[in-house]
């Protein structure tokens, strides 16, 4: 159990941190139109299209 606590758990924490850092940093290399947040449509438009189908 000491091996897990001293070596494996800290390694997993560092790997998760590095993975999150790479995922967030990847936005730098995206084209400017893809780096922006996705547009949000109004709820009424979505509900009316669902009910009319």
PDB file of N, CA and C in Angstrom:
ATOM      1  N   UNK A   1       0.827  -1.203   0.000  1.00  0.00           N
ATOM      2  CA  UNK A   1       0.000   0.000   0.000  1.00  0.00           C
ATOM      3  C   UNK A   1       0.866   1.259   0.000  1.00  0.00           C
ATOM      4  N   UNK A   2       2.034   1.174   0.620  1.00  0.00           N
ATOM      5  CA  UNK A   2       2.927   2.331   0.681  1.00  0.00           C
ATOM      6  C   UNK A   2       3.455   2.670  -0.716  1.00  0.00           C
ATOM      7  N   UNK A   3       3.668   1.663  -1.550  1.00  0.00           N
ATOM      8  CA  UNK A   3       4.158   1.914  -2.915  1.00  0.00           C
ATOM      9  C   UNK A   3       3.120   2.707  -3.699  1.00  0.00           C
ATOM     10  N   UNK A   4       1.850   2.339  -3.534  1.00  0.00           N
ATOM     11  CA  UNK A   4       0.785   3.071  -4.227  1.00  0.00           C
ATOM     12  C   UNK A   4       0.737   4.516  -3.750  1.00  0.00           C
ATOM     13  N   UNK A   5       0.827   4.725  -2.441  1.00  0.00           N
ATOM     14  CA  UNK A   5       0.718   6.065  -1.874  1.00  0.00           C
ATOM     15  C   UNK A   5       1.927   6.934  -2.224  1.00  0.00           C
ATOM     16  N   UNK A   6       3.103   6.338  -2.328  1.00  0.00           N
ATOM     17  CA  UNK A   6       4.311   7.125  -2.560  1.00  0.00           C
ATOM     18  C   UNK A   6       4.617   7.335  -4.036  1.00  0.00           C
ATOM     19  N   UNK A   7       4.277   6.366  -4.889  1.00  0.00           N
ATOM     20  CA  UNK A   7       4.700   6.446  -6.284  1.00  0.00           C
ATOM     21  C   UNK A   7       3.553   6.517  -7.278  1.00  0.00           C
ATOM     22  N   UNK A   8       2.584   5.641  -7.157  1.00  0.00           N
ATOM     23  CA  UNK A   8       1.546   5.517  -8.187  1.00  0.00           C
ATOM     24  C   UNK A   8       0.528   6.657  -8.093  1.00  0.00           C
ATOM     25  N   UNK A   9       0.028   6.964  -6.917  1.00  0.00           N
ATOM     26  CA  UNK A   9      -0.972   8.025  -6.775  1.00  0.00           C
ATOM     27  C   UNK A   9      -0.429   9.393  -7.205  1.00  0.00           C
ATOM     28  N   UNK A  10       0.771   9.799  -6.775  1.00  0.00           N
ATOM     29  CA  UNK A  10       1.294  11.081  -7.265  1.00  0.00           C
ATOM     30  C   UNK A  10       1.521  11.087  -8.773  1.00  0.00           C
ATOM     31  N   UNK A  11       1.942   9.968  -9.327  1.00  0.00           N
ATOM     32  CA  UNK A  11       2.133   9.878 -10.773  1.00  0.00           C
ATOM     33  C   UNK A  11       0.809  10.051 -11.504  1.00  0.00           C
ATOM     34  N   UNK A  12      -0.262   9.444 -11.011  1.00  0.00           N
ATOM     35  CA  UNK A  12      -1.577   9.606 -11.626  1.00  0.00           C
ATOM     36  C   UNK A  12      -2.052  11.061 -11.544  1.00  0.00           C
ATOM     37  N   UNK A  13      -1.810  11.718 -10.422  1.00  0.00           N
ATOM     38  CA  UNK A  13      -2.208  13.118 -10.270  1.00  0.00           C
ATOM     39  C   UNK A  13      -1.461  13.988 -11.269  1.00  0.00           C
ATOM     40  N   UNK A  14      -0.170  13.767 -11.410  1.00  0.00           N
ATOM     41  CA  UNK A  14       0.630  14.555 -12.354  1.00  0.00           C
ATOM     42  C   UNK A  14       0.200  14.280 -13.784  1.00  0.00           C
ATOM     43  N   UNK A  15      -0.094  13.032 -14.123  1.00  0.00           N
ATOM     44  CA  UNK A  15      -0.535  12.699 -15.483  1.00  0.00           C
ATOM     45  C   UNK A  15      -1.878  13.352 -15.814  1.00  0.00           C
ATOM     46  N   UNK A  16      -2.803  13.362 -14.867  1.00  0.00           N
ATOM     47  CA  UNK A  16      -4.093  14.009 -15.091  1.00  0.00           C
ATOM     48  C   UNK A  16      -3.903  15.513 -15.262  1.00  0.00           C
ATOM     49  N   UNK A  17      -3.020  16.110 -14.472  1.00  0.00           N
ATOM     50  CA  UNK A  17      -2.747  17.534 -14.598  1.00  0.00           C
ATOM     51  C   UNK A  17      -2.150  17.856 -15.965  1.00  0.00           C
ATOM     52  N   UNK A  18      -1.192  17.053 -16.411  1.00  0.00           N
ATOM     53  CA  UNK A  18      -0.566  17.287 -17.717  1.00  0.00           C
ATOM     54  C   UNK A  18      -1.577  17.110 -18.839  1.00  0.00           C
ATOM     55  N   UNK A  19      -2.442  16.114 -18.738  1.00  0.00           N
ATOM     56  CA  UNK A  19      -3.475  15.906 -19.749  1.00  0.00           C
ATOM     57  C   UNK A  19      -4.430  17.101 -19.816  1.00  0.00           C
ATOM     58  N   UNK A  20      -4.835  17.615 -18.664  1.00  0.00           N
ATOM     59  CA  UNK A  20      -5.714  18.787 -18.640  1.00  0.00           C
ATOM     60  C   UNK A  20      -5.003  20.019 -19.195  1.00  0.00           C
ATOM     61  N   UNK A  21      -3.738  20.175 -18.897  1.00  0.00           N
ATOM     62  CA  UNK A  21      -2.973  21.305 -19.410  1.00  0.00           C
ATOM     63  C   UNK A  21      -2.847  21.250 -20.927  1.00  0.00           C
ATOM     64  N   UNK A  22      -2.614  20.065 -21.473  1.00  0.00           N
ATOM     65  CA  UNK A  22      -2.519  19.902 -22.923  1.00  0.00           C
ATOM     66  C   UNK A  22      -3.864  20.184 -23.580  1.00  0.00           C
ATOM     67  N   UNK A  23      -4.951  19.711 -22.979  1.00  0.00           N
ATOM     68  CA  UNK A  23      -6.279  19.920 -23.562  1.00  0.00           C
ATOM     69  C   UNK A  23      -6.642  21.402 -23.585  1.00  0.00           C
ATOM     70  N   UNK A  24      -6.307  22.129 -22.531  1.00  0.00           N
ATOM     71  CA  UNK A  24      -6.621  23.551 -22.483  1.00  0.00           C
ATOM     72  C   UNK A  24      -5.688  24.339 -23.409  1.00  0.00           C
ATOM     73  N   UNK A  25      -4.438  23.949 -23.473  1.00  0.00           N
ATOM     74  CA  UNK A  25      -3.473  24.653 -24.309  1.00  0.00           C
ATOM     75  C   UNK A  25      -3.702  24.401 -25.802  1.00  0.00           C
ATOM     76  N   UNK A  26      -4.416  23.363 -26.154  1.00  0.00           N
ATOM     77  CA  UNK A  26      -4.650  23.062 -27.567  1.00  0.00           C
ATOM     78  C   UNK A  26      -5.477  24.146 -28.243  1.00  0.00           C
ATOM     79  N   UNK A  27      -6.201  24.954 -27.469  1.00  0.00           N
ATOM     80  CA  UNK A  27      -7.012  26.028 -28.056  1.00  0.00           C
ATOM     81  C   UNK A  27      -6.146  27.075 -28.739  1.00  0.00           C
ATOM     82  N   UNK A  28      -4.885  27.183 -28.357  1.00  0.00           N
ATOM     83  CA  UNK A  28      -3.986  28.164 -28.972  1.00  0.00           C
ATOM     84  C   UNK A  28      -3.802  27.852 -30.454  1.00  0.00           C
ATOM     85  N   UNK A  29      -3.774  26.575 -30.800  1.00  0.00           N
ATOM     86  CA  UNK A  29      -3.455  26.157 -32.156  1.00  0.00           C
ATOM     87  C   UNK A  29      -4.686  25.992 -33.041  1.00  0.00           C
ATOM     88  N   UNK A  30      -5.879  26.181 -32.481  1.00  0.00           N
ATOM     89  CA  UNK A  30      -7.091  26.074 -33.287  1.00  0.00           C
ATOM     90  C   UNK A  30      -7.297  27.348 -34.099  1.00  0.00           C
ATOM     91  N   UNK A  31      -7.987  27.240 -35.235  1.00  0.00           N
ATOM     92  CA  UNK A  31      -8.347  28.472 -35.951  1.00  0.00           C
ATOM     93  C   UNK A  31      -9.229  29.350 -35.061  1.00  0.00           C
ATOM     94  N   UNK A  32      -9.217  30.642 -35.301  1.00  0.00           N
ATOM     95  CA  UNK A  32      -9.895  31.575 -34.391  1.00  0.00           C
ATOM     96  C   UNK A  32     -11.391  31.312 -34.296  1.00  0.00           C
ATOM     97  N   UNK A  33     -12.026  30.838 -35.385  1.00  0.00           N
ATOM     98  CA  UNK A  33     -13.467  30.601 -35.314  1.00  0.00           C
ATOM     99  C   UNK A  33     -13.797  29.342 -34.525  1.00  0.00           C
ATOM    100  N   UNK A  34     -12.856  28.411 -34.409  1.00  0.00           N
ATOM    101  CA  UNK A  34     -13.117  27.191 -33.630  1.00  0.00           C
ATOM    102  C   UNK A  34     -12.756  27.370 -32.158  1.00  0.00           C
ATOM    103  N   UNK A  35     -11.936  28.361 -31.838  1.00  0.00           N
ATOM    104  CA  UNK A  35     -11.520  28.571 -30.455  1.00  0.00           C
ATOM    105  C   UNK A  35     -12.596  29.284 -29.640  1.00  0.00           C
ATOM    106  N   UNK A  36     -13.569  29.890 -30.308  1.00  0.00           N
ATOM    107  CA  UNK A  36     -14.631  30.600 -29.604  1.00  0.00           C
ATOM    108  C   UNK A  36     -15.637  29.609 -29.023  1.00  0.00           C
ATOM    109  N   UNK A  37     -16.348  30.003 -27.994  1.00  0.00           N
ATOM    110  CA  UNK A  37     -17.385  29.116 -27.446  1.00  0.00           C
ATOM    111  C   UNK A  37     -18.480  28.846 -28.478  1.00  0.00           C
ATOM    112  N   UNK A  38     -19.115  27.715 -28.350  1.00  0.00           N
ATOM    113  CA  UNK A  38     -20.189  27.352 -29.279  1.00  0.00           C
ATOM    114  C   UNK A  38     -21.379  28.280 -29.086  1.00  0.00           C
ATOM    115  N   UNK A  39     -22.056  28.645 -30.167  1.00  0.00           N
ATOM    116  CA  UNK A  39     -23.233  29.509 -30.030  1.00  0.00           C
ATOM    117  C   UNK A  39     -24.381  28.771 -29.340  1.00  0.00           C
ATOM    118  N   UNK A  40     -25.159  29.509 -28.584  1.00  0.00           N
ATOM    119  CA  UNK A  40     -26.291  28.931 -27.862  1.00  0.00           C
ATOM    120  C   UNK A  40     -27.574  29.439 -28.513  1.00  0.00           C
ATOM    121  N   UNK A  41     -28.431  28.513 -28.914  1.00  0.00           N
ATOM    122  CA  UNK A  41     -29.707  28.903 -29.508  1.00  0.00           C
ATOM    123  C   UNK A  41     -30.722  29.125 -28.397  1.00  0.00           C
ATOM    124  N   UNK A  42     -31.753  29.870 -28.722  1.00  0.00           N
ATOM    125  CA  UNK A  42     -32.792  30.097 -27.730  1.00  0.00           C
ATOM    126  C   UNK A  42     -33.589  28.817 -27.515  1.00  0.00           C
ATOM    127  N   UNK A  43     -34.085  28.626 -26.308  1.00  0.00           N
ATOM    128  CA  UNK A  43     -34.806  27.406 -25.961  1.00  0.00           C
ATOM    129  C   UNK A  43     -36.107  27.316 -26.747  1.00  0.00           C
ATOM    130  N   UNK A  44     -36.782  28.426 -27.006  1.00  0.00           N
ATOM    131  CA  UNK A  44     -38.030  28.403 -27.721  1.00  0.00           C
ATOM    132  C   UNK A  44     -37.886  27.887 -29.142  1.00  0.00           C
ATOM    133  N   UNK A  45     -36.776  28.187 -29.770  1.00  0.00           N
ATOM    134  CA  UNK A  45     -36.531  27.727 -31.145  1.00  0.00           C
ATOM    135  C   UNK A  45     -36.367  26.214 -31.145  1.00  0.00           C
ATOM    136  N   UNK A  46     -35.653  25.683 -30.177  1.00  0.00           N
ATOM    137  CA  UNK A  46     -35.426  24.248 -30.115  1.00  0.00           C
ATOM    138  C   UNK A  46     -36.739  23.516 -29.807  1.00  0.00           C
ATOM    139  N   UNK A  47     -37.519  24.040 -28.858  1.00  0.00           N
ATOM    140  CA  UNK A  47     -38.764  23.382 -28.488  1.00  0.00           C
ATOM    141  C   UNK A  47     -39.773  23.410 -29.641  1.00  0.00           C
ATOM    142  N   UNK A  48     -39.841  24.500 -30.374  1.00  0.00           N
ATOM    143  CA  UNK A  48     -40.804  24.563 -31.472  1.00  0.00           C
ATOM    144  C   UNK A  48     -40.409  23.616 -32.604  1.00  0.00           C
ATOM    145  N   UNK A  49     -39.118  23.429 -32.825  1.00  0.00           N
ATOM    146  CA  UNK A  49     -38.709  22.501 -33.867  1.00  0.00           C
ATOM    147  C   UNK A  49     -38.941  21.057 -33.467  1.00  0.00           C
ATOM    148  N   UNK A  50     -38.882  20.772 -32.182  1.00  0.00           N
ATOM    149  CA  UNK A  50     -39.118  19.397 -31.694  1.00  0.00           C
ATOM    150  C   UNK A  50     -40.619  19.079 -31.813  1.00  0.00           C
ATOM    151  N   UNK A  51     -41.460  20.006 -31.413  1.00  0.00           N
ATOM    152  CA  UNK A  51     -42.899  19.757 -31.411  1.00  0.00           C
ATOM    153  C   UNK A  51     -43.483  19.709 -32.835  1.00  0.00           C
ATOM    154  N   UNK A  52     -42.872  20.426 -33.763  1.00  0.00           N
ATOM    155  CA  UNK A  52     -43.420  20.425 -35.118  1.00  0.00           C
ATOM    156  C   UNK A  52     -43.018  19.186 -35.901  1.00  0.00           C
ATOM    157  N   UNK A  53     -42.029  18.442 -35.432  1.00  0.00           N
ATOM    158  CA  UNK A  53     -41.547  17.265 -36.151  1.00  0.00           C
ATOM    159  C   UNK A  53     -42.431  16.069 -35.956  1.00  0.00           C
TER     160      UNK A  53
END
